C-alpha cells in the first residue's frame, strides 16, 4: 500500500494578506500561519461535505477553543482572511474578533 499522508507541508500559498497557507496531509488539512505561528486549521471535506475550521491560540493570537463548519474550503479560508484583515498589525485578542 502507498503512503496515505505526508507530514511535511505539501504546498504554501502566498498572497498579500497577513495569512500564509500551508497544505498538509496530502491536502486534507490547510494551516493558516500569521507572524510565523500556526493560528488555524481547516480539515475536510468531511462525509457531510463540510469543512471544519479550528482556531489555535498562540502567544500573540489568543482565542477561546472554537470549531466552525463551512460549506467549502474557500469559505473557511475567507473567514480566516476576514479575521486577519480585521486584526491588521495591531496587538490583538482575537477572541473578540471571532464573536
N, C-alpha and C. Protein backbone atom coordinates (compact mmCIF):
# COMPACT_ATOMS: atom_id res chain seq x y z
N UNK A 1 0.84 -1.18 0.00
CA UNK A 1 0.00 0.00 0.00
C UNK A 1 0.88 1.24 0.00
N UNK A 2 0.38 2.27 -0.58
CA UNK A 2 1.11 3.53 -0.64
C UNK A 2 0.93 4.36 0.62
N UNK A 3 1.67 5.45 0.68
CA UNK A 3 1.58 6.37 1.80
C UNK A 3 0.31 7.19 1.66
N UNK A 4 -0.51 7.22 2.70
CA UNK A 4 -1.76 7.94 2.64
C UNK A 4 -1.58 9.43 2.96
N UNK A 5 -0.71 9.74 3.93
CA UNK A 5 -0.50 11.12 4.32
C UNK A 5 0.99 11.40 4.42
N UNK A 6 1.37 12.60 4.09
CA UNK A 6 2.75 13.05 4.32
C UNK A 6 2.72 14.09 5.41
N UNK A 7 3.78 14.19 6.19
CA UNK A 7 3.79 15.09 7.34
C UNK A 7 4.40 16.45 7.04
N UNK A 8 5.17 16.58 6.01
CA UNK A 8 5.77 17.87 5.67
C UNK A 8 4.74 18.73 4.94
N UNK A 9 4.91 20.06 5.00
CA UNK A 9 4.00 20.92 4.24
C UNK A 9 4.00 20.51 2.77
N UNK A 10 2.83 20.36 2.22
CA UNK A 10 2.70 19.95 0.82
C UNK A 10 2.88 21.13 -0.12
N UNK A 11 2.27 22.24 0.21
CA UNK A 11 2.36 23.43 -0.62
C UNK A 11 2.11 24.65 0.25
N UNK A 12 2.68 25.75 -0.16
CA UNK A 12 2.47 27.01 0.56
C UNK A 12 1.88 28.01 -0.42
N UNK A 13 0.76 28.60 -0.03
CA UNK A 13 0.12 29.61 -0.86
C UNK A 13 0.56 30.99 -0.39
N UNK A 14 1.01 31.82 -1.32
CA UNK A 14 1.41 33.18 -1.00
C UNK A 14 0.31 34.14 -1.43
N UNK A 15 0.13 35.22 -0.66
CA UNK A 15 -0.84 36.25 -1.01
C UNK A 15 -0.40 37.55 -0.37
N UNK A 16 -1.19 38.60 -0.57
CA UNK A 16 -0.87 39.89 0.03
C UNK A 16 -1.44 40.01 1.43
N UNK A 17 -2.18 39.02 1.90
CA UNK A 17 -2.75 39.07 3.24
C UNK A 17 -1.69 38.68 4.26
N UNK A 18 -1.96 38.96 5.54
CA UNK A 18 -1.01 38.54 6.58
C UNK A 18 -1.03 37.03 6.82
N UNK A 19 -1.90 36.31 6.14
CA UNK A 19 -2.03 34.87 6.31
C UNK A 19 -1.26 34.14 5.22
N UNK A 20 -0.46 33.16 5.62
CA UNK A 20 0.20 32.25 4.69
C UNK A 20 -0.43 30.89 4.89
N UNK A 21 -0.77 30.23 3.80
CA UNK A 21 -1.44 28.93 3.87
C UNK A 21 -0.48 27.81 3.55
N UNK A 22 -0.54 26.73 4.34
CA UNK A 22 0.21 25.52 4.08
C UNK A 22 -0.78 24.37 3.95
N UNK A 23 -0.56 23.53 2.97
CA UNK A 23 -1.38 22.33 2.79
C UNK A 23 -0.60 21.15 3.35
N UNK A 24 -1.24 20.38 4.22
CA UNK A 24 -0.59 19.23 4.86
C UNK A 24 -1.44 17.98 4.69
N UNK A 25 -0.83 16.85 4.97
CA UNK A 25 -1.50 15.55 4.90
C UNK A 25 -2.19 15.35 3.55
N UNK A 26 -1.42 15.57 2.50
CA UNK A 26 -1.90 15.39 1.12
C UNK A 26 -3.15 16.20 0.85
N UNK A 27 -3.23 17.40 1.43
CA UNK A 27 -4.35 18.31 1.17
C UNK A 27 -5.52 18.16 2.12
N UNK A 28 -5.46 17.22 3.05
CA UNK A 28 -6.58 17.03 3.98
C UNK A 28 -6.64 18.11 5.05
N UNK A 29 -5.56 18.87 5.23
CA UNK A 29 -5.52 19.94 6.23
C UNK A 29 -4.84 21.17 5.62
N UNK A 30 -5.47 22.33 5.76
CA UNK A 30 -4.87 23.61 5.39
C UNK A 30 -4.59 24.36 6.68
N UNK A 31 -3.36 24.84 6.83
CA UNK A 31 -2.95 25.53 8.05
C UNK A 31 -2.71 27.00 7.73
N UNK A 32 -3.34 27.87 8.52
CA UNK A 32 -3.15 29.32 8.38
C UNK A 32 -2.04 29.74 9.34
N UNK A 33 -1.06 30.48 8.80
CA UNK A 33 0.04 30.97 9.62
C UNK A 33 0.07 32.49 9.55
N UNK A 34 0.25 33.11 10.72
CA UNK A 34 0.41 34.57 10.81
C UNK A 34 1.62 34.84 11.68
N UNK A 35 2.46 35.75 11.24
CA UNK A 35 3.66 36.10 12.00
C UNK A 35 4.46 34.87 12.40
N UNK A 36 4.52 33.88 11.51
CA UNK A 36 5.31 32.68 11.76
C UNK A 36 4.67 31.65 12.65
N UNK A 37 3.46 31.88 13.11
CA UNK A 37 2.78 30.93 14.01
C UNK A 37 1.53 30.36 13.34
N UNK A 38 1.26 29.09 13.57
CA UNK A 38 0.03 28.46 13.08
C UNK A 38 -1.13 28.94 13.94
N UNK A 39 -2.16 29.53 13.30
CA UNK A 39 -3.28 30.10 14.05
C UNK A 39 -4.61 29.41 13.79
N UNK A 40 -4.71 28.66 12.69
CA UNK A 40 -5.97 27.98 12.39
C UNK A 40 -5.71 26.81 11.46
N UNK A 41 -6.61 25.83 11.53
CA UNK A 41 -6.53 24.69 10.64
C UNK A 41 -7.89 24.40 10.05
N UNK A 42 -7.89 24.03 8.78
CA UNK A 42 -9.13 23.67 8.09
C UNK A 42 -8.98 22.24 7.59
N UNK A 43 -9.88 21.38 7.99
CA UNK A 43 -9.84 19.99 7.54
C UNK A 43 -11.12 19.64 6.80
N UNK A 44 -10.98 18.70 5.91
CA UNK A 44 -12.15 18.26 5.16
C UNK A 44 -11.83 18.05 3.71
N UNK A 45 -12.84 17.71 2.94
CA UNK A 45 -14.25 17.65 3.32
C UNK A 45 -14.56 16.42 4.16
N UNK A 46 -15.49 16.62 5.10
CA UNK A 46 -15.99 15.55 5.94
C UNK A 46 -17.12 14.84 5.19
N UNK A 47 -17.60 13.69 5.68
CA UNK A 47 -18.62 12.94 4.94
C UNK A 47 -19.86 13.75 4.55
N UNK A 48 -20.20 14.77 5.35
CA UNK A 48 -21.36 15.58 5.01
C UNK A 48 -21.01 16.71 4.04
N UNK A 49 -19.74 16.77 3.62
CA UNK A 49 -19.30 17.79 2.66
C UNK A 49 -18.79 19.07 3.29
N UNK A 50 -18.87 19.17 4.61
CA UNK A 50 -18.44 20.40 5.29
C UNK A 50 -16.94 20.41 5.56
N UNK A 51 -16.43 21.59 5.85
CA UNK A 51 -15.04 21.80 6.21
C UNK A 51 -15.00 22.37 7.62
N UNK A 52 -14.18 21.79 8.47
CA UNK A 52 -14.07 22.22 9.87
C UNK A 52 -12.91 23.20 10.02
N UNK A 53 -13.20 24.36 10.59
CA UNK A 53 -12.20 25.38 10.86
C UNK A 53 -11.97 25.42 12.36
N UNK A 54 -10.73 25.20 12.78
CA UNK A 54 -10.34 25.23 14.18
C UNK A 54 -9.35 26.35 14.40
N UNK A 55 -9.60 27.19 15.39
CA UNK A 55 -8.70 28.28 15.74
C UNK A 55 -7.76 27.82 16.84
N UNK A 56 -6.48 28.19 16.74
CA UNK A 56 -5.48 27.80 17.73
C UNK A 56 -4.91 29.04 18.39
N UNK A 57 -4.69 28.98 19.69
CA UNK A 57 -4.07 30.09 20.42
C UNK A 57 -2.56 30.07 20.27
N UNK A 58 -1.98 31.25 20.19
CA UNK A 58 -0.53 31.42 20.22
C UNK A 58 -0.24 32.52 21.23
N UNK A 59 1.01 32.88 21.40
CA UNK A 59 1.34 33.95 22.34
C UNK A 59 0.68 35.27 21.92
N UNK A 60 0.58 35.53 20.62
CA UNK A 60 0.02 36.79 20.15
C UNK A 60 -1.45 36.67 19.76
N UNK A 61 -1.90 35.50 19.46
CA UNK A 61 -3.25 35.26 18.95
C UNK A 61 -4.00 34.40 19.96
N UNK A 62 -4.66 35.04 20.91
CA UNK A 62 -5.34 34.32 21.99
C UNK A 62 -6.82 34.15 21.66
N UNK A 63 -7.25 32.91 21.55
CA UNK A 63 -8.66 32.65 21.23
C UNK A 63 -9.21 31.58 22.17
N UNK A 64 -10.51 31.60 22.33
CA UNK A 64 -11.20 30.51 23.01
C UNK A 64 -11.26 29.35 22.03
N UNK A 65 -11.31 28.12 22.51
CA UNK A 65 -11.44 27.00 21.58
C UNK A 65 -12.72 27.14 20.76
N UNK A 66 -12.57 27.27 19.47
CA UNK A 66 -13.72 27.47 18.58
C UNK A 66 -13.62 26.49 17.41
N UNK A 67 -14.72 25.86 17.10
CA UNK A 67 -14.81 24.99 15.93
C UNK A 67 -15.95 25.51 15.08
N UNK A 68 -15.65 25.84 13.85
CA UNK A 68 -16.66 26.35 12.92
C UNK A 68 -16.77 25.39 11.75
N UNK A 69 -17.95 25.30 11.16
CA UNK A 69 -18.14 24.47 9.98
C UNK A 69 -18.54 25.35 8.81
N UNK A 70 -17.94 25.07 7.65
CA UNK A 70 -18.19 25.86 6.44
C UNK A 70 -18.52 24.92 5.29
N UNK A 71 -19.24 25.45 4.32
CA UNK A 71 -19.68 24.63 3.19
C UNK A 71 -18.60 24.36 2.17
N UNK A 72 -17.49 25.13 2.22
CA UNK A 72 -16.40 24.91 1.28
C UNK A 72 -15.08 25.33 1.91
N UNK A 73 -14.00 24.84 1.34
CA UNK A 73 -12.66 25.22 1.78
C UNK A 73 -12.47 26.72 1.56
N UNK A 74 -12.96 27.20 0.44
CA UNK A 74 -12.84 28.63 0.12
C UNK A 74 -13.54 29.49 1.18
N UNK A 75 -14.74 29.10 1.58
CA UNK A 75 -15.49 29.85 2.59
C UNK A 75 -14.74 29.89 3.92
N UNK A 76 -14.15 28.76 4.31
CA UNK A 76 -13.39 28.71 5.56
C UNK A 76 -12.16 29.59 5.48
N UNK A 77 -11.45 29.54 4.34
CA UNK A 77 -10.27 30.39 4.17
C UNK A 77 -10.65 31.87 4.16
N UNK A 78 -11.78 32.19 3.54
CA UNK A 78 -12.24 33.59 3.54
C UNK A 78 -12.54 34.06 4.95
N UNK A 79 -13.06 33.19 5.81
CA UNK A 79 -13.32 33.54 7.21
C UNK A 79 -12.01 33.89 7.92
N UNK A 80 -10.98 33.07 7.72
CA UNK A 80 -9.68 33.33 8.34
C UNK A 80 -9.10 34.64 7.81
N UNK A 81 -9.17 34.83 6.50
CA UNK A 81 -8.64 36.06 5.88
C UNK A 81 -9.38 37.29 6.42
N UNK A 82 -10.70 37.16 6.60
CA UNK A 82 -11.50 38.27 7.12
C UNK A 82 -11.07 38.66 8.52
N UNK A 83 -10.87 37.67 9.37
CA UNK A 83 -10.41 37.94 10.74
C UNK A 83 -9.03 38.57 10.70
N UNK A 84 -8.15 38.05 9.85
CA UNK A 84 -6.79 38.57 9.75
C UNK A 84 -6.80 40.04 9.31
N UNK A 85 -7.66 40.38 8.37
CA UNK A 85 -7.77 41.78 7.91
C UNK A 85 -8.28 42.68 9.02
N UNK A 86 -9.25 42.20 9.80
CA UNK A 86 -9.78 42.98 10.91
C UNK A 86 -8.70 43.27 11.95
N UNK A 87 -7.84 42.28 12.15
CA UNK A 87 -6.81 42.41 13.17
C UNK A 87 -5.64 43.27 12.72
N UNK A 88 -5.35 43.24 11.42
CA UNK A 88 -4.26 44.04 10.88
C UNK A 88 -2.96 43.82 11.62
N UNK A 89 -2.25 44.88 11.86
CA UNK A 89 -0.95 44.77 12.50
C UNK A 89 -0.99 45.10 13.98
N UNK A 90 -2.21 45.29 14.53
CA UNK A 90 -2.30 45.64 15.95
C UNK A 90 -2.01 44.44 16.83
N UNK A 91 -1.67 44.69 18.07
CA UNK A 91 -1.58 43.62 19.05
C UNK A 91 -3.01 43.30 19.43
N UNK A 92 -3.37 42.03 19.41
CA UNK A 92 -4.78 41.72 19.49
C UNK A 92 -5.12 40.59 20.42
N UNK A 93 -6.37 40.59 20.81
CA UNK A 93 -7.04 39.47 21.44
C UNK A 93 -8.09 39.03 20.43
N UNK A 94 -7.84 37.96 19.72
CA UNK A 94 -8.70 37.54 18.64
C UNK A 94 -10.05 37.02 19.10
N UNK A 95 -10.19 36.66 20.34
CA UNK A 95 -11.46 36.10 20.78
C UNK A 95 -12.61 37.08 20.55
N UNK A 96 -12.36 38.39 20.68
CA UNK A 96 -13.43 39.36 20.43
C UNK A 96 -13.74 39.46 18.94
N UNK A 97 -12.75 39.24 18.08
CA UNK A 97 -12.98 39.31 16.64
C UNK A 97 -13.76 38.11 16.14
N UNK A 98 -13.68 37.00 16.84
CA UNK A 98 -14.37 35.79 16.41
C UNK A 98 -15.84 35.81 16.74
N UNK A 99 -16.27 36.66 17.64
CA UNK A 99 -17.67 36.69 18.04
C UNK A 99 -18.50 37.51 17.10
